[in-house]
Amino acid sequence: MSIEELRQQASESAEEDEVDFTSASSSRLPAKVRFLGMTPFQTCIVAALLLLITCLLSTFCLLATGKVALPFL
């Protein structure tokens, strides 16, 4: 093969591989992807409540095992 034939093959394959970028944007995920069907505000509230529950349970665990003593008791 000569260099000219390789160039011609490369240019032909480049023309075949061209991508239409207008159709690629339509294949994206929908704009409203929700976690467990909740809105972002509801997800934030659930996350805050989980943090609060975790803090309370860990505090009660420390008090129950005697690792921390309350100063006013």
C-alpha atoms as a PDB file:
ATOM      1  CA  MET A   1       0.000   0.000   0.000  1.00  0.00           C
ATOM      2  CA  SER A   2       1.161   3.427  -0.786  1.00  0.00           C
ATOM      3  CA  ILE A   3       0.859   6.474   1.383  1.00  0.00           C
ATOM      4  CA  GLU A   4      -1.799   7.951  -0.897  1.00  0.00           C
ATOM      5  CA  GLU A   5      -4.005   4.881  -0.493  1.00  0.00           C
ATOM      6  CA  LEU A   6      -3.660   5.070   3.301  1.00  0.00           C
ATOM      7  CA  ARG A   7      -4.608   8.758   3.268  1.00  0.00           C
ATOM      8  CA  GLN A   8      -7.630   8.011   1.108  1.00  0.00           C
ATOM      9  CA  GLN A   9      -8.762   5.214   3.417  1.00  0.00           C
ATOM     10  CA  ALA A  10      -8.302   7.439   6.462  1.00  0.00           C
ATOM     11  CA  SER A  11     -10.322  10.262   4.936  1.00  0.00           C
ATOM     12  CA  GLU A  12     -13.107   7.846   3.924  1.00  0.00           C
ATOM     13  CA  SER A  13     -13.315   6.326   7.397  1.00  0.00           C
ATOM     14  CA  ALA A  14     -13.318   9.810   8.954  1.00  0.00           C
ATOM     15  CA  GLU A  15     -16.287  10.791   6.818  1.00  0.00           C
ATOM     16  CA  GLU A  16     -18.167   7.649   7.870  1.00  0.00           C
ATOM     17  CA  ASP A  17     -17.448   8.225  11.561  1.00  0.00           C
ATOM     18  CA  GLU A  18     -18.850  11.746  11.722  1.00  0.00           C
ATOM     19  CA  VAL A  19     -21.302  12.132  14.579  1.00  0.00           C
ATOM     20  CA  ASP A  20     -24.423  14.250  14.537  1.00  0.00           C
ATOM     21  CA  PHE A  21     -24.201  16.155  17.827  1.00  0.00           C
ATOM     22  CA  THR A  22     -27.779  17.409  17.641  1.00  0.00           C
ATOM     23  CA  SER A  23     -29.167  13.898  18.103  1.00  0.00           C
ATOM     24  CA  ALA A  24     -26.758  13.109  20.960  1.00  0.00           C
ATOM     25  CA  SER A  25     -28.337  15.748  23.184  1.00  0.00           C
ATOM     26  CA  SER A  26     -31.752  14.151  22.845  1.00  0.00           C
ATOM     27  CA  SER A  27     -30.475  10.825  24.207  1.00  0.00           C
ATOM     28  CA  ARG A  28     -29.517  12.303  27.578  1.00  0.00           C
ATOM     29  CA  LEU A  29     -31.346  11.424  30.765  1.00  0.00           C
ATOM     30  CA  PRO A  30     -34.509  13.352  31.531  1.00  0.00           C
ATOM     31  CA  ALA A  31     -34.016  16.585  33.431  1.00  0.00           C
ATOM     32  CA  LYS A  32     -36.051  15.423  36.451  1.00  0.00           C
ATOM     33  CA  VAL A  33     -34.192  12.444  37.859  1.00  0.00           C
ATOM     34  CA  ARG A  34     -35.376  11.963  41.427  1.00  0.00           C
ATOM     35  CA  PHE A  35     -33.927   9.916  44.267  1.00  0.00           C
ATOM     36  CA  LEU A  36     -36.640   7.514  45.468  1.00  0.00           C
ATOM     37  CA  GLY A  37     -39.238   9.755  43.847  1.00  0.00           C
ATOM     38  CA  MET A  38     -38.564  12.650  46.218  1.00  0.00           C
ATOM     39  CA  THR A  39     -37.944  16.288  45.421  1.00  0.00           C
ATOM     40  CA  PRO A  40     -34.544  17.732  46.395  1.00  0.00           C
ATOM     41  CA  PHE A  41     -36.118  19.500  49.381  1.00  0.00           C
ATOM     42  CA  GLN A  42     -37.634  16.260  50.667  1.00  0.00           C
ATOM     43  CA  THR A  43     -34.302  14.474  50.191  1.00  0.00           C
ATOM     44  CA  CYS A  44     -32.568  17.189  52.234  1.00  0.00           C
ATOM     45  CA  ILE A  45     -35.112  16.822  55.053  1.00  0.00           C
ATOM     46  CA  VAL A  46     -34.672  13.025  55.097  1.00  0.00           C
ATOM     47  CA  ALA A  47     -30.884  13.431  55.222  1.00  0.00           C
ATOM     48  CA  ALA A  48     -31.149  15.915  58.116  1.00  0.00           C
ATOM     49  CA  LEU A  49     -33.471  13.584  60.034  1.00  0.00           C
ATOM     50  CA  LEU A  50     -31.108  10.643  59.496  1.00  0.00           C
ATOM     51  CA  LEU A  51     -28.237  12.753  60.840  1.00  0.00           C
ATOM     52  CA  LEU A  52     -30.312  13.736  63.892  1.00  0.00           C
ATOM     53  CA  ILE A  53     -31.326  10.138  64.597  1.00  0.00           C
ATOM     54  CA  THR A  54     -27.708   8.971  64.266  1.00  0.00           C
ATOM     55  CA  CYS A  55     -26.496  11.633  66.691  1.00  0.00           C
ATOM     56  CA  LEU A  56     -29.217  10.823  69.238  1.00  0.00           C
ATOM     57  CA  LEU A  57     -28.635   7.063  69.082  1.00  0.00           C
ATOM     58  CA  SER A  58     -24.876   7.435  69.426  1.00  0.00           C
ATOM     59  CA  THR A  59     -25.342   9.782  72.416  1.00  0.00           C
ATOM     60  CA  PHE A  60     -27.677   7.317  74.133  1.00  0.00           C
ATOM     61  CA  CYS A  61     -25.218   4.501  73.420  1.00  0.00           C
ATOM     62  CA  LEU A  62     -22.371   6.452  75.025  1.00  0.00           C
ATOM     63  CA  LEU A  63     -24.536   7.259  78.057  1.00  0.00           C
ATOM     64  CA  ALA A  64     -25.715   3.662  78.413  1.00  0.00           C
ATOM     65  CA  THR A  65     -22.184   2.218  78.304  1.00  0.00           C
ATOM     66  CA  GLY A  66     -20.881   4.791  80.792  1.00  0.00           C
ATOM     67  CA  LYS A  67     -18.258   6.231  78.439  1.00  0.00           C
ATOM     68  CA  VAL A  68     -19.686   9.724  78.965  1.00  0.00           C
ATOM     69  CA  ALA A  69     -21.208  11.057  82.159  1.00  0.00           C
ATOM     70  CA  LEU A  70     -23.560  14.008  82.264  1.00  0.00           C
ATOM     71  CA  PRO A  71     -22.150  16.700  84.587  1.00  0.00           C
ATOM     72  CA  PHE A  72     -25.537  17.707  86.017  1.00  0.00           C
ATOM     73  CA  LEU A  73     -26.552  14.201  87.154  1.00  0.00           C
END
